[in-house]
Amino acid sequence: MAPSEIGPEDLDATYRAGVSVAAVLDATYVCIGFNIVTRIANALGFKVPSEELLLRAARLLRLFGYRRLSGFWSSGSSHRGMLTARTLDGDPYAMKMERLRYAVVSGPGALAPNIRHAISKGAFDSTPLGAFAQKVAEHAFMVNDDDIRDLHRAHYSDDQIFEAAVSAALGAGIYRLECVLKILRQSSSSIV
């Protein structure tokens, strides 16, 4: 809710409860993933799966865990145990996050890469697309059909609207990730 307010005291309480740095990093990436997907779903009106489907998915997650279901296991990479300052700089998920960021802001698309990049960095202009992207980044649950109609009237295509939503959601997620990583890096010397 307030990523800029995360501080060392939050981590200290977590560590005292027995949670490792690796587990904090894992949980952070899970939260970031949900944050990004939820923003996109809210902004574009995706339908929530049935309760039965969610319960089946939850059982699979409990049985296999996020790592196996996300495909992380196939990379041959592992980061079990405590992370050191050195491994934090070599964040085991950093390459995947960088590939995602590149695909969203620099890969082929209907919106120019410089626009997608600016949106992901929180640089919202005064155009209808800028206002929409800011709403996605800050309050995606408030996006409504009128916002999409305004974008269509301003001659934005569905692909451009989608790319703006994904860029804004990714930027909001990365901001939250960077807030946590900053605190992890600051505190890692005191735990190692």
C-alpha atoms as a PDB file:
ATOM      1  CA  MET A   1       0.000   0.000   0.000  1.00  0.00           C
ATOM      2  CA  ALA A   2       2.813   2.411   0.874  1.00  0.00           C
ATOM      3  CA  PRO A   3       6.076   1.051  -0.558  1.00  0.00           C
ATOM      4  CA  SER A   4       8.028   4.232   0.154  1.00  0.00           C
ATOM      5  CA  GLU A   5       7.303   3.729   3.858  1.00  0.00           C
ATOM      6  CA  ILE A   6       9.012   0.330   4.048  1.00  0.00           C
ATOM      7  CA  GLY A   7      11.957   0.587   6.396  1.00  0.00           C
ATOM      8  CA  PRO A   8      14.612  -1.489   8.139  1.00  0.00           C
ATOM      9  CA  GLU A   9      12.293  -1.985  11.108  1.00  0.00           C
ATOM     10  CA  ASP A  10       9.918  -3.942   8.848  1.00  0.00           C
ATOM     11  CA  LEU A  11      12.699  -6.324   7.894  1.00  0.00           C
ATOM     12  CA  ASP A  12      13.983  -6.602  11.453  1.00  0.00           C
ATOM     13  CA  ALA A  13      10.569  -7.800  12.637  1.00  0.00           C
ATOM     14  CA  THR A  14      10.465 -10.278   9.755  1.00  0.00           C
ATOM     15  CA  TYR A  15      13.919 -11.648  10.545  1.00  0.00           C
ATOM     16  CA  ARG A  16      13.091 -11.942  14.261  1.00  0.00           C
ATOM     17  CA  ALA A  17      10.114 -14.077  13.239  1.00  0.00           C
ATOM     18  CA  GLY A  18      12.564 -16.460  11.539  1.00  0.00           C
ATOM     19  CA  VAL A  19      12.027 -15.455   7.920  1.00  0.00           C
ATOM     20  CA  SER A  20      15.200 -15.574   5.822  1.00  0.00           C
ATOM     21  CA  VAL A  21      16.329 -12.913   3.396  1.00  0.00           C
ATOM     22  CA  ALA A  22      15.740 -15.384   0.564  1.00  0.00           C
ATOM     23  CA  ALA A  23      12.143 -15.893   1.719  1.00  0.00           C
ATOM     24  CA  VAL A  24      11.618 -12.120   1.912  1.00  0.00           C
ATOM     25  CA  LEU A  25      12.904 -11.787  -1.649  1.00  0.00           C
ATOM     26  CA  ASP A  26      10.675 -14.655  -2.834  1.00  0.00           C
ATOM     27  CA  ALA A  27       7.623 -13.106  -1.164  1.00  0.00           C
ATOM     28  CA  THR A  28       8.453  -9.706  -2.615  1.00  0.00           C
ATOM     29  CA  TYR A  29       8.512 -11.052  -6.162  1.00  0.00           C
ATOM     30  CA  VAL A  30       5.255 -12.937  -5.621  1.00  0.00           C
ATOM     31  CA  CYS A  31       3.639  -9.725  -4.349  1.00  0.00           C
ATOM     32  CA  ILE A  32       5.054  -7.724  -7.263  1.00  0.00           C
ATOM     33  CA  GLY A  33       3.683 -10.268  -9.734  1.00  0.00           C
ATOM     34  CA  PHE A  34       0.231 -10.077  -8.193  1.00  0.00           C
ATOM     35  CA  ASN A  35       0.461  -6.277  -8.046  1.00  0.00           C
ATOM     36  CA  ILE A  36       1.190  -6.051 -11.768  1.00  0.00           C
ATOM     37  CA  VAL A  37      -1.428  -8.587 -12.826  1.00  0.00           C
ATOM     38  CA  THR A  38      -4.097  -7.099 -10.561  1.00  0.00           C
ATOM     39  CA  ARG A  39      -3.513  -3.603 -11.950  1.00  0.00           C
ATOM     40  CA  ILE A  40      -3.853  -4.878 -15.508  1.00  0.00           C
ATOM     41  CA  ALA A  41      -6.956  -6.911 -14.646  1.00  0.00           C
ATOM     42  CA  ASN A  42      -8.585  -3.981 -12.842  1.00  0.00           C
ATOM     43  CA  ALA A  43      -7.764  -1.497 -15.575  1.00  0.00           C
ATOM     44  CA  LEU A  44      -8.973  -3.669 -18.419  1.00  0.00           C
ATOM     45  CA  GLY A  45     -11.909  -5.334 -16.695  1.00  0.00           C
ATOM     46  CA  PHE A  46     -10.701  -8.939 -16.706  1.00  0.00           C
ATOM     47  CA  LYS A  47     -13.147 -11.352 -15.176  1.00  0.00           C
ATOM     48  CA  VAL A  48     -12.180 -13.037 -11.931  1.00  0.00           C
ATOM     49  CA  PRO A  49     -12.196 -16.852 -12.197  1.00  0.00           C
ATOM     50  CA  SER A  50     -14.832 -18.793 -10.306  1.00  0.00           C
ATOM     51  CA  GLU A  51     -14.243 -19.653  -6.659  1.00  0.00           C
ATOM     52  CA  GLU A  52     -13.961 -23.328  -7.634  1.00  0.00           C
ATOM     53  CA  LEU A  53     -11.177 -22.576 -10.114  1.00  0.00           C
ATOM     54  CA  LEU A  54      -9.346 -20.392  -7.572  1.00  0.00           C
ATOM     55  CA  LEU A  55      -9.538 -23.185  -4.974  1.00  0.00           C
ATOM     56  CA  ARG A  56      -8.112 -25.714  -7.440  1.00  0.00           C
ATOM     57  CA  ALA A  57      -5.290 -23.318  -8.287  1.00  0.00           C
ATOM     58  CA  ALA A  58      -4.623 -22.755  -4.573  1.00  0.00           C
ATOM     59  CA  ARG A  59      -4.349 -26.520  -4.014  1.00  0.00           C
ATOM     60  CA  LEU A  60      -1.809 -26.758  -6.835  1.00  0.00           C
ATOM     61  CA  LEU A  61       0.199 -23.877  -5.382  1.00  0.00           C
ATOM     62  CA  ARG A  62       0.229 -25.557  -1.964  1.00  0.00           C
ATOM     63  CA  LEU A  63       1.276 -28.851  -3.512  1.00  0.00           C
ATOM     64  CA  PHE A  64       3.935 -27.618  -5.941  1.00  0.00           C
ATOM     65  CA  GLY A  65       4.750 -24.072  -4.852  1.00  0.00           C
ATOM     66  CA  TYR A  66       5.266 -20.948  -6.927  1.00  0.00           C
ATOM     67  CA  ARG A  67       8.734 -21.898  -8.100  1.00  0.00           C
ATOM     68  CA  ARG A  68       7.700 -25.044  -9.941  1.00  0.00           C
ATOM     69  CA  LEU A  69       4.448 -23.643 -11.338  1.00  0.00           C
ATOM     70  CA  SER A  70       6.118 -20.457 -12.569  1.00  0.00           C
ATOM     71  CA  GLY A  71       8.713 -22.376 -14.557  1.00  0.00           C
ATOM     72  CA  PHE A  72      11.561 -21.038 -12.401  1.00  0.00           C
ATOM     73  CA  TRP A  73      12.726 -24.605 -11.693  1.00  0.00           C
ATOM     74  CA  SER A  74      13.573 -25.136 -15.361  1.00  0.00           C
ATOM     75  CA  SER A  75      16.262 -22.463 -15.323  1.00  0.00           C
ATOM     76  CA  GLY A  76      18.478 -24.610 -13.098  1.00  0.00           C
ATOM     77  CA  SER A  77      18.890 -21.634 -10.784  1.00  0.00           C
ATOM     78  CA  SER A  78      18.555 -21.839  -7.045  1.00  0.00           C
ATOM     79  CA  HIS A  79      19.019 -19.409  -4.204  1.00  0.00           C
ATOM     80  CA  ARG A  80      18.158 -21.400  -1.089  1.00  0.00           C
ATOM     81  CA  GLY A  81      19.494 -20.133   2.208  1.00  0.00           C
ATOM     82  CA  MET A  82      20.556 -16.684   3.307  1.00  0.00           C
ATOM     83  CA  LEU A  83      21.439 -14.118   0.695  1.00  0.00           C
ATOM     84  CA  THR A  84      24.559 -12.080   1.127  1.00  0.00           C
ATOM     85  CA  ALA A  85      25.138  -8.538  -0.092  1.00  0.00           C
ATOM     86  CA  ARG A  86      26.904 -10.105  -3.077  1.00  0.00           C
ATOM     87  CA  THR A  87      23.931 -12.301  -4.027  1.00  0.00           C
ATOM     88  CA  LEU A  88      21.501  -9.455  -3.478  1.00  0.00           C
ATOM     89  CA  ASP A  89      23.352  -7.541  -6.158  1.00  0.00           C
ATOM     90  CA  GLY A  90      23.069 -10.718  -8.211  1.00  0.00           C
ATOM     91  CA  ASP A  91      19.328 -11.016  -7.460  1.00  0.00           C
ATOM     92  CA  PRO A  92      18.306 -14.483  -8.736  1.00  0.00           C
ATOM     93  CA  TYR A  93      15.203 -13.010 -10.355  1.00  0.00           C
ATOM     94  CA  ALA A  94      16.844  -9.906 -11.796  1.00  0.00           C
ATOM     95  CA  MET A  95      17.426 -11.372 -15.260  1.00  0.00           C
ATOM     96  CA  LYS A  96      13.808 -12.471 -15.587  1.00  0.00           C
ATOM     97  CA  MET A  97      12.593  -9.071 -14.425  1.00  0.00           C
ATOM     98  CA  GLU A  98      14.917  -7.362 -16.878  1.00  0.00           C
ATOM     99  CA  ARG A  99      13.621  -9.561 -19.729  1.00  0.00           C
ATOM    100  CA  LEU A 100      10.057  -8.662 -18.737  1.00  0.00           C
ATOM    101  CA  ARG A 101      10.886  -4.962 -18.586  1.00  0.00           C
ATOM    102  CA  TYR A 102      12.595  -5.118 -21.986  1.00  0.00           C
ATOM    103  CA  ALA A 103       9.663  -6.966 -23.583  1.00  0.00           C
ATOM    104  CA  VAL A 104       7.137  -4.474 -22.243  1.00  0.00           C
ATOM    105  CA  VAL A 105       8.940  -1.200 -22.917  1.00  0.00           C
ATOM    106  CA  SER A 106      11.350  -1.988 -25.757  1.00  0.00           C
ATOM    107  CA  GLY A 107       9.878  -4.908 -27.658  1.00  0.00           C
ATOM    108  CA  PRO A 108       7.649  -4.588 -30.708  1.00  0.00           C
ATOM    109  CA  GLY A 109       4.373  -2.868 -30.030  1.00  0.00           C
ATOM    110  CA  ALA A 110       1.679  -0.480 -31.153  1.00  0.00           C
ATOM    111  CA  LEU A 111       2.968   2.296 -28.855  1.00  0.00           C
ATOM    112  CA  ALA A 112       6.420   3.710 -29.490  1.00  0.00           C
ATOM    113  CA  PRO A 113       9.027   2.332 -27.056  1.00  0.00           C
ATOM    114  CA  ASN A 114       9.792   5.829 -25.720  1.00  0.00           C
ATOM    115  CA  ILE A 115       6.127   6.233 -24.714  1.00  0.00           C
ATOM    116  CA  ARG A 116       6.018   2.812 -23.030  1.00  0.00           C
ATOM    117  CA  HIS A 117       9.305   3.551 -21.267  1.00  0.00           C
ATOM    118  CA  ALA A 118       8.091   6.948 -20.018  1.00  0.00           C
ATOM    119  CA  ILE A 119       4.864   5.409 -18.723  1.00  0.00           C
ATOM    120  CA  SER A 120       6.765   2.653 -16.923  1.00  0.00           C
ATOM    121  CA  LYS A 121       8.944   5.299 -15.248  1.00  0.00           C
ATOM    122  CA  GLY A 122       5.880   7.254 -14.070  1.00  0.00           C
ATOM    123  CA  ALA A 123       6.338  10.124 -16.521  1.00  0.00           C
ATOM    124  CA  PHE A 124       2.707  10.751 -17.404  1.00  0.00           C
ATOM    125  CA  ASP A 125       1.953  13.486 -19.927  1.00  0.00           C
ATOM    126  CA  SER A 126      -1.265  15.489 -20.180  1.00  0.00           C
ATOM    127  CA  THR A 127      -2.736  13.413 -23.019  1.00  0.00           C
ATOM    128  CA  PRO A 128      -5.703  11.102 -22.405  1.00  0.00           C
ATOM    129  CA  LEU A 129      -3.252   8.178 -22.592  1.00  0.00           C
ATOM    130  CA  GLY A 130      -1.042   9.775 -19.926  1.00  0.00           C
ATOM    131  CA  ALA A 131      -4.032  10.327 -17.629  1.00  0.00           C
ATOM    132  CA  PHE A 132      -5.135   6.713 -18.164  1.00  0.00           C
ATOM    133  CA  ALA A 133      -1.648   5.355 -17.458  1.00  0.00           C
ATOM    134  CA  GLN A 134      -1.418   7.402 -14.269  1.00  0.00           C
ATOM    135  CA  LYS A 135      -4.782   6.067 -13.135  1.00  0.00           C
ATOM    136  CA  VAL A 136      -3.612   2.503 -13.796  1.00  0.00           C
ATOM    137  CA  ALA A 137      -0.397   3.097 -11.839  1.00  0.00           C
ATOM    138  CA  GLU A 138      -2.074   4.778  -8.883  1.00  0.00           C
ATOM    139  CA  HIS A 139      -5.687   3.540  -8.715  1.00  0.00           C
ATOM    140  CA  ALA A 140      -6.296   0.864 -11.348  1.00  0.00           C
ATOM    141  CA  PHE A 141      -9.518  -0.215  -9.643  1.00  0.00           C
ATOM    142  CA  MET A 142     -10.986   3.183 -10.570  1.00  0.00           C
ATOM    143  CA  VAL A 143     -10.557   2.729 -14.340  1.00  0.00           C
ATOM    144  CA  ASN A 144     -13.960   2.437 -15.978  1.00  0.00           C
ATOM    145  CA  ASP A 145     -15.555   2.132 -19.398  1.00  0.00           C
ATOM    146  CA  ASP A 146     -15.625   5.925 -19.804  1.00  0.00           C
ATOM    147  CA  ASP A 147     -11.822   6.008 -19.560  1.00  0.00           C
ATOM    148  CA  ILE A 148     -11.547   3.466 -22.370  1.00  0.00           C
ATOM    149  CA  ARG A 149     -14.162   5.297 -24.471  1.00  0.00           C
ATOM    150  CA  ASP A 150     -12.200   8.553 -24.025  1.00  0.00           C
ATOM    151  CA  LEU A 151      -9.084   6.804 -25.296  1.00  0.00           C
ATOM    152  CA  HIS A 152     -10.954   5.422 -28.317  1.00  0.00           C
ATOM    153  CA  ARG A 153     -12.306   8.906 -29.059  1.00  0.00           C
ATOM    154  CA  ALA A 154      -8.711  10.178 -28.910  1.00  0.00           C
ATOM    155  CA  HIS A 155      -7.923   7.538 -31.592  1.00  0.00           C
ATOM    156  CA  TYR A 156      -5.957   5.103 -29.444  1.00  0.00           C
ATOM    157  CA  SER A 157      -6.310   1.481 -30.494  1.00  0.00           C
ATOM    158  CA  ASP A 158      -7.055  -1.387 -28.120  1.00  0.00           C
ATOM    159  CA  ASP A 159      -3.442  -2.547 -28.543  1.00  0.00           C
ATOM    160  CA  GLN A 160      -2.122   0.866 -27.533  1.00  0.00           C
ATOM    161  CA  ILE A 161      -4.448   0.978 -24.527  1.00  0.00           C
ATOM    162  CA  PHE A 162      -3.339  -2.500 -23.491  1.00  0.00           C
ATOM    163  CA  GLU A 163       0.347  -1.603 -23.837  1.00  0.00           C
ATOM    164  CA  ALA A 164      -0.124   1.581 -21.804  1.00  0.00           C
ATOM    165  CA  ALA A 165      -1.880  -0.399 -19.047  1.00  0.00           C
ATOM    166  CA  VAL A 166       0.845  -3.054 -18.979  1.00  0.00           C
ATOM    167  CA  SER A 167       3.604  -0.407 -18.971  1.00  0.00           C
ATOM    168  CA  ALA A 168       1.965   1.485 -16.108  1.00  0.00           C
ATOM    169  CA  ALA A 169       1.317  -1.689 -14.111  1.00  0.00           C
ATOM    170  CA  LEU A 170       4.885  -2.882 -14.634  1.00  0.00           C
ATOM    171  CA  GLY A 171       6.248   0.497 -13.570  1.00  0.00           C
ATOM    172  CA  ALA A 172       4.163   0.458 -10.375  1.00  0.00           C
ATOM    173  CA  GLY A 173       5.375  -3.058  -9.620  1.00  0.00           C
ATOM    174  CA  ILE A 174       9.018  -2.256 -10.299  1.00  0.00           C
ATOM    175  CA  TYR A 175       8.798   0.803  -8.059  1.00  0.00           C
ATOM    176  CA  ARG A 176       7.586  -1.413  -5.220  1.00  0.00           C
ATOM    177  CA  LEU A 177      10.302  -3.962  -5.920  1.00  0.00           C
ATOM    178  CA  GLU A 178      12.991  -1.280  -5.876  1.00  0.00           C
ATOM    179  CA  CYS A 179      11.743  -0.004  -2.496  1.00  0.00           C
ATOM    180  CA  VAL A 180      12.149  -3.476  -0.978  1.00  0.00           C
ATOM    181  CA  LEU A 181      15.489  -4.183  -2.685  1.00  0.00           C
ATOM    182  CA  LYS A 182      16.889  -0.909  -1.380  1.00  0.00           C
ATOM    183  CA  ILE A 183      16.066  -1.885   2.203  1.00  0.00           C
ATOM    184  CA  LEU A 184      17.366  -5.439   1.674  1.00  0.00           C
ATOM    185  CA  ARG A 185      20.667  -4.099   0.385  1.00  0.00           C
ATOM    186  CA  GLN A 186      20.971  -1.663   3.275  1.00  0.00           C
ATOM    187  CA  SER A 187      20.265  -4.321   5.880  1.00  0.00           C
ATOM    188  CA  SER A 188      22.101  -7.273   4.290  1.00  0.00           C
ATOM    189  CA  SER A 189      25.426  -6.365   5.919  1.00  0.00           C
ATOM    190  CA  SER A 190      23.815  -6.579   9.356  1.00  0.00           C
ATOM    191  CA  ILE A 191      22.448 -10.080   8.784  1.00  0.00           C
ATOM    192  CA  VAL A 192      25.353 -11.779   7.086  1.00  0.00           C
END
